[in-house]
Every structure is written in structure tokens, then in C-alpha cells.
N, C-alpha and C. Protein backbone atom coordinates (compact mmCIF):
# COMPACT_ATOMS: atom_id res chain seq x y z
N MET A 1 171.68 97.13 233.80
CA MET A 1 170.92 98.16 233.12
C MET A 1 169.71 97.49 232.48
N ASN A 2 168.55 98.13 232.59
CA ASN A 2 167.37 97.53 231.97
C ASN A 2 167.24 97.98 230.51
N ARG A 3 166.20 97.55 229.85
CA ARG A 3 166.04 97.81 228.41
C ARG A 3 165.86 99.29 228.08
N ASN A 4 165.50 100.11 229.07
CA ASN A 4 165.34 101.55 228.86
C ASN A 4 166.57 102.35 229.26
N GLY A 5 167.66 101.65 229.61
CA GLY A 5 168.89 102.34 229.96
C GLY A 5 168.99 102.79 231.40
N ILE A 6 168.06 102.35 232.25
CA ILE A 6 168.08 102.75 233.67
C ILE A 6 169.02 101.82 234.42
N LEU A 7 169.93 102.42 235.18
CA LEU A 7 170.88 101.64 235.97
C LEU A 7 170.13 100.91 237.08
N THR A 8 170.43 99.64 237.26
CA THR A 8 169.64 98.84 238.20
C THR A 8 170.45 98.22 239.32
N THR A 9 171.78 98.24 239.24
CA THR A 9 172.59 97.65 240.32
C THR A 9 173.48 98.72 240.94
N ARG A 10 173.92 98.45 242.16
CA ARG A 10 174.83 99.38 242.84
C ARG A 10 176.13 99.55 242.07
N GLU A 11 176.58 98.47 241.45
CA GLU A 11 177.83 98.53 240.68
C GLU A 11 177.69 99.46 239.48
N GLU A 12 176.55 99.38 238.80
CA GLU A 12 176.31 100.26 237.65
C GLU A 12 176.24 101.72 238.09
N VAL A 13 175.56 101.98 239.20
CA VAL A 13 175.45 103.35 239.71
C VAL A 13 176.82 103.88 240.09
N ALA A 14 177.63 103.08 240.77
CA ALA A 14 178.98 103.50 241.16
C ALA A 14 179.84 103.79 239.93
N ALA A 15 179.73 102.96 238.91
CA ALA A 15 180.52 103.15 237.69
C ALA A 15 180.12 104.40 236.93
N SER A 16 178.89 104.88 237.16
CA SER A 16 178.41 106.09 236.47
C SER A 16 178.85 107.37 237.17
N HIS A 17 179.60 107.24 238.27
CA HIS A 17 180.08 108.39 239.06
C HIS A 17 178.92 109.20 239.63
N ALA A 18 177.85 108.53 240.03
CA ALA A 18 176.65 109.18 240.54
C ALA A 18 176.94 110.05 241.76
N SER A 19 177.97 109.73 242.53
CA SER A 19 178.29 110.51 243.74
C SER A 19 178.77 111.92 243.41
N GLU A 20 179.13 112.18 242.16
CA GLU A 20 179.56 113.52 241.75
C GLU A 20 178.40 114.48 241.58
N TYR A 21 177.18 113.96 241.48
CA TYR A 21 176.00 114.78 241.26
C TYR A 21 175.39 115.17 242.60
N LEU A 22 174.97 116.43 242.71
CA LEU A 22 174.42 116.94 243.97
C LEU A 22 173.00 117.44 243.79
N PHE A 23 172.22 117.31 244.87
CA PHE A 23 170.87 117.86 244.86
C PHE A 23 170.95 119.39 244.89
N PRO A 24 170.04 120.07 244.23
CA PRO A 24 170.05 121.54 244.25
C PRO A 24 169.74 122.09 245.64
N THR A 25 170.35 123.21 245.97
CA THR A 25 170.12 123.86 247.26
C THR A 25 169.49 125.24 247.09
N GLU A 26 169.13 125.57 245.86
CA GLU A 26 168.49 126.85 245.58
C GLU A 26 167.60 126.71 244.34
N ASP A 27 166.67 127.67 244.18
CA ASP A 27 165.84 127.70 242.99
C ASP A 27 166.74 127.91 241.78
N MET A 28 166.44 127.21 240.69
CA MET A 28 167.26 127.37 239.49
C MET A 28 166.52 126.87 238.27
N THR A 29 166.94 127.38 237.13
CA THR A 29 166.54 126.85 235.84
C THR A 29 167.83 126.68 235.05
N PHE A 30 168.01 125.51 234.47
CA PHE A 30 169.25 125.25 233.73
C PHE A 30 168.96 124.33 232.55
N LYS A 31 169.81 124.44 231.53
CA LYS A 31 169.76 123.49 230.43
C LYS A 31 170.84 122.46 230.69
N GLY A 32 170.43 121.20 230.68
CA GLY A 32 171.39 120.16 230.98
C GLY A 32 171.17 118.91 230.17
N THR A 33 172.21 118.13 230.09
CA THR A 33 172.16 116.85 229.39
C THR A 33 171.96 115.74 230.41
N LEU A 34 171.02 114.85 230.14
CA LEU A 34 170.77 113.72 231.03
C LEU A 34 171.88 112.70 230.84
N ASP A 35 172.63 112.45 231.92
CA ASP A 35 173.77 111.53 231.86
C ASP A 35 173.40 110.11 232.24
N SER A 36 172.56 109.97 233.27
CA SER A 36 172.19 108.62 233.73
C SER A 36 170.93 108.69 234.57
N ARG A 37 170.32 107.52 234.73
CA ARG A 37 169.12 107.37 235.58
C ARG A 37 169.28 106.09 236.38
N SER A 38 168.76 106.12 237.61
CA SER A 38 168.74 104.91 238.43
C SER A 38 167.50 104.94 239.31
N TRP A 39 167.09 103.78 239.77
CA TRP A 39 165.92 103.71 240.63
C TRP A 39 166.27 104.17 242.04
N GLY A 40 165.39 104.99 242.62
CA GLY A 40 165.56 105.44 243.99
C GLY A 40 164.93 104.44 244.95
N LYS A 41 164.91 104.80 246.22
CA LYS A 41 164.42 103.89 247.25
C LYS A 41 162.90 103.88 247.37
N LYS A 42 162.23 104.99 247.02
CA LYS A 42 160.79 105.10 247.26
C LYS A 42 160.04 105.55 246.00
N ASN A 43 159.75 104.62 245.13
CA ASN A 43 158.97 104.93 243.93
C ASN A 43 159.44 106.19 243.23
N CYS A 44 160.73 106.26 242.98
CA CYS A 44 161.26 107.44 242.30
C CYS A 44 162.41 107.04 241.37
N LEU A 45 162.70 107.94 240.47
CA LEU A 45 163.78 107.76 239.51
C LEU A 45 164.77 108.90 239.71
N VAL A 46 166.02 108.56 239.97
CA VAL A 46 167.08 109.55 240.16
C VAL A 46 167.67 109.87 238.79
N CYS A 47 167.61 111.14 238.41
CA CYS A 47 168.10 111.58 237.10
C CYS A 47 169.31 112.49 237.30
N ASN A 48 170.42 112.15 236.68
CA ASN A 48 171.66 112.92 236.81
C ASN A 48 171.93 113.72 235.53
N PHE A 49 172.06 115.03 235.70
CA PHE A 49 172.26 115.95 234.58
C PHE A 49 173.59 116.67 234.72
N THR A 50 174.19 117.01 233.59
CA THR A 50 175.31 117.95 233.56
C THR A 50 174.80 119.21 232.89
N ALA A 51 174.81 120.32 233.64
CA ALA A 51 174.35 121.61 233.12
C ALA A 51 175.38 122.17 232.15
N GLU A 52 174.96 123.12 231.34
CA GLU A 52 175.85 123.74 230.36
C GLU A 52 177.09 124.36 231.01
N ASN A 53 176.94 124.81 232.27
CA ASN A 53 178.09 125.42 232.97
C ASN A 53 178.98 124.38 233.65
N GLY A 54 178.68 123.08 233.45
CA GLY A 54 179.49 122.02 234.02
C GLY A 54 179.00 121.49 235.37
N MET A 55 178.04 122.18 235.98
CA MET A 55 177.50 121.74 237.27
C MET A 55 176.80 120.39 237.09
N LYS A 56 177.00 119.49 238.04
CA LYS A 56 176.38 118.17 238.00
C LYS A 56 175.23 118.15 239.00
N VAL A 57 174.01 117.94 238.49
CA VAL A 57 172.78 118.09 239.28
C VAL A 57 172.02 116.77 239.32
N LYS A 58 171.61 116.40 240.53
CA LYS A 58 170.80 115.20 240.76
C LYS A 58 169.36 115.65 241.02
N LEU A 59 168.42 115.13 240.23
CA LEU A 59 167.00 115.47 240.38
C LEU A 59 166.19 114.19 240.52
N ILE A 60 165.06 114.30 241.23
CA ILE A 60 164.21 113.15 241.49
C ILE A 60 162.90 113.30 240.73
N ALA A 61 162.56 112.26 239.96
CA ALA A 61 161.26 112.18 239.29
C ALA A 61 160.44 111.15 240.07
N TYR A 62 159.39 111.63 240.74
CA TYR A 62 158.55 110.73 241.54
C TYR A 62 157.48 110.08 240.68
N LEU A 63 157.01 108.94 241.13
CA LEU A 63 155.92 108.24 240.46
C LEU A 63 154.67 109.10 240.55
N ARG A 64 154.06 109.35 239.40
CA ARG A 64 152.80 110.11 239.33
C ARG A 64 151.76 109.20 238.72
N LYS A 65 150.69 109.00 239.45
CA LYS A 65 149.60 108.16 238.94
C LYS A 65 148.59 109.07 238.27
N GLU A 66 148.53 108.96 236.96
CA GLU A 66 147.68 109.81 236.13
C GLU A 66 146.60 108.95 235.47
N ALA A 67 145.58 109.63 234.94
CA ALA A 67 144.53 108.92 234.22
C ALA A 67 145.09 108.21 232.99
N THR A 68 146.17 108.75 232.43
CA THR A 68 146.78 108.17 231.23
C THR A 68 147.81 107.09 231.57
N GLY A 69 148.02 106.82 232.84
CA GLY A 69 148.98 105.80 233.26
C GLY A 69 150.00 106.36 234.24
N ASN A 70 150.86 105.50 234.73
CA ASN A 70 151.88 105.91 235.69
C ASN A 70 153.07 106.50 234.95
N THR A 71 153.59 107.61 235.46
CA THR A 71 154.77 108.23 234.86
C THR A 71 155.76 108.62 235.95
N TYR A 72 157.01 108.72 235.56
CA TYR A 72 158.06 109.25 236.42
C TYR A 72 158.51 110.54 235.78
N SER A 73 158.08 111.65 236.37
CA SER A 73 158.38 112.96 235.78
C SER A 73 158.20 114.05 236.82
N PRO A 74 158.73 115.26 236.51
CA PRO A 74 158.42 116.39 237.38
C PRO A 74 156.93 116.74 237.25
N LYS A 75 156.42 117.54 238.16
CA LYS A 75 154.99 117.85 238.20
C LYS A 75 154.46 118.48 236.91
N LYS A 76 155.21 119.39 236.33
CA LYS A 76 154.73 120.11 235.15
C LYS A 76 155.42 119.59 233.89
N CYS A 77 155.24 118.29 233.65
CA CYS A 77 155.91 117.68 232.51
C CYS A 77 155.15 116.43 232.11
N ALA A 78 154.90 116.26 230.83
CA ALA A 78 154.19 115.08 230.35
C ALA A 78 155.15 113.97 229.95
N PHE A 79 156.44 114.25 229.91
CA PHE A 79 157.44 113.28 229.47
C PHE A 79 157.70 112.27 230.58
N ASN A 80 157.67 111.00 230.25
CA ASN A 80 157.93 109.94 231.22
C ASN A 80 159.40 109.56 231.15
N PHE A 81 160.18 109.93 232.15
CA PHE A 81 161.61 109.67 232.16
C PHE A 81 161.95 108.19 232.34
N ALA A 82 160.98 107.35 232.68
CA ALA A 82 161.23 105.92 232.84
C ALA A 82 160.95 105.12 231.58
N ASP A 83 160.27 105.69 230.63
CA ASP A 83 159.80 104.95 229.46
C ASP A 83 160.81 104.75 228.35
N GLU A 84 161.63 105.72 228.13
CA GLU A 84 162.44 105.71 226.92
C GLU A 84 163.92 105.82 227.24
N TRP A 85 164.73 105.49 226.27
CA TRP A 85 166.17 105.67 226.39
C TRP A 85 166.45 107.14 226.10
N VAL A 86 166.73 107.95 227.12
CA VAL A 86 166.84 109.40 226.94
C VAL A 86 168.21 109.96 227.31
N GLU A 87 169.14 109.10 227.74
CA GLU A 87 170.47 109.59 228.08
C GLU A 87 171.06 110.29 226.86
N GLY A 88 171.70 111.44 227.11
CA GLY A 88 172.29 112.23 226.03
C GLY A 88 171.38 113.32 225.51
N LEU A 89 170.10 113.28 225.86
CA LEU A 89 169.19 114.35 225.44
C LEU A 89 169.29 115.53 226.39
N SER A 90 169.02 116.73 225.87
CA SER A 90 169.08 117.94 226.69
C SER A 90 167.67 118.38 227.07
N PHE A 91 167.56 118.91 228.28
CA PHE A 91 166.30 119.41 228.80
C PHE A 91 166.55 120.73 229.52
N VAL A 92 165.56 121.62 229.51
CA VAL A 92 165.59 122.80 230.36
C VAL A 92 164.81 122.43 231.61
N CYS A 93 165.50 122.36 232.74
CA CYS A 93 164.91 121.90 234.01
C CYS A 93 164.74 123.07 234.96
N THR A 94 163.62 123.06 235.67
CA THR A 94 163.35 124.09 236.67
C THR A 94 163.18 123.44 238.03
N VAL A 95 163.85 124.02 239.02
CA VAL A 95 163.81 123.55 240.41
C VAL A 95 163.30 124.70 241.27
N ARG A 96 162.33 124.42 242.14
CA ARG A 96 161.78 125.43 243.05
C ARG A 96 161.61 124.85 244.44
N MET A 97 161.61 125.72 245.45
CA MET A 97 161.38 125.28 246.82
C MET A 97 159.89 125.02 247.01
N ASN A 98 159.55 123.88 247.60
CA ASN A 98 158.15 123.57 247.86
C ASN A 98 157.74 124.08 249.25
N GLY A 99 156.53 123.80 249.65
CA GLY A 99 156.01 124.26 250.93
C GLY A 99 156.70 123.66 252.13
N ASN A 100 157.42 122.56 251.94
CA ASN A 100 158.15 121.90 253.02
C ASN A 100 159.60 122.37 253.12
N GLY A 101 159.96 123.34 252.28
CA GLY A 101 161.32 123.86 252.31
C GLY A 101 162.33 123.03 251.54
N ARG A 102 161.85 122.11 250.71
CA ARG A 102 162.74 121.28 249.89
C ARG A 102 162.75 121.80 248.46
N HIS A 103 163.89 121.71 247.82
CA HIS A 103 163.97 122.08 246.42
C HIS A 103 163.60 120.86 245.58
N VAL A 104 162.57 121.02 244.75
CA VAL A 104 162.05 119.92 243.96
C VAL A 104 162.05 120.27 242.48
N TRP A 105 162.13 119.25 241.68
CA TRP A 105 162.12 119.38 240.23
C TRP A 105 160.67 119.60 239.80
N VAL A 106 160.37 120.76 239.22
CA VAL A 106 158.98 121.05 238.85
C VAL A 106 158.69 120.95 237.37
N SER A 107 159.71 121.13 236.50
CA SER A 107 159.43 121.02 235.08
C SER A 107 160.68 120.66 234.29
N ALA A 108 160.41 120.09 233.11
CA ALA A 108 161.47 119.78 232.15
C ALA A 108 160.87 119.96 230.76
N GLU A 109 161.61 120.66 229.92
CA GLU A 109 161.14 120.89 228.54
C GLU A 109 162.18 120.40 227.57
């Protein structure tokens, strides 16, 4: 685990039960608690949430190169999920289908 609480090894990810979290298959908005984060394969951060209804949701925050610096966040969010220790915090997350037919994380409040 790095200094920001991001899981960095396969063993850490396995111990966090990351396989229990699933990618969304429909548009949704939910309030959830961030349980863990790990680095993805392609400049992304995998964020695992438990929704209030108990559903376990896996969302991807892609690297966004902004004038203010690089961030890992959904498109409509100024919060950098890679910068701070945020496990245990709650967010209202919105997922929508993009033009390619994939459900993507568009906002977190």
C-alpha cells in the first residue's frame, strides 16, 4: 500500500476482496462508501464502493490531464481520488452509458 492508501500489489488487492466488486451494467446514481483503491493496467485507478443497499460497485477513474495538474477522477468531478487517503468516505456516484456503449463513471459528489 502506498502513502495514500492505494493498494499496489496483487496480494493486497486479493486480500481486499476486490473480486466481489462488479462493474455497472446500467445507468445508476448511488451513495456509496469507498472501500479500496488500486492501480489499473492503463493509467487508471480502480475504486471499489459499497452502496447503501449493499451492492458492491467497481468504478474506474481515468487519468485526466488538466491545466491544474493530473488527476484521477470521473469527468465531472474536481476531486482527485489518487491524492488523498479517502477510504471510508461516502460519495454520490453517477454512472452513464457513453457513446461507445460502455457504462462509465461521470461524477462523484
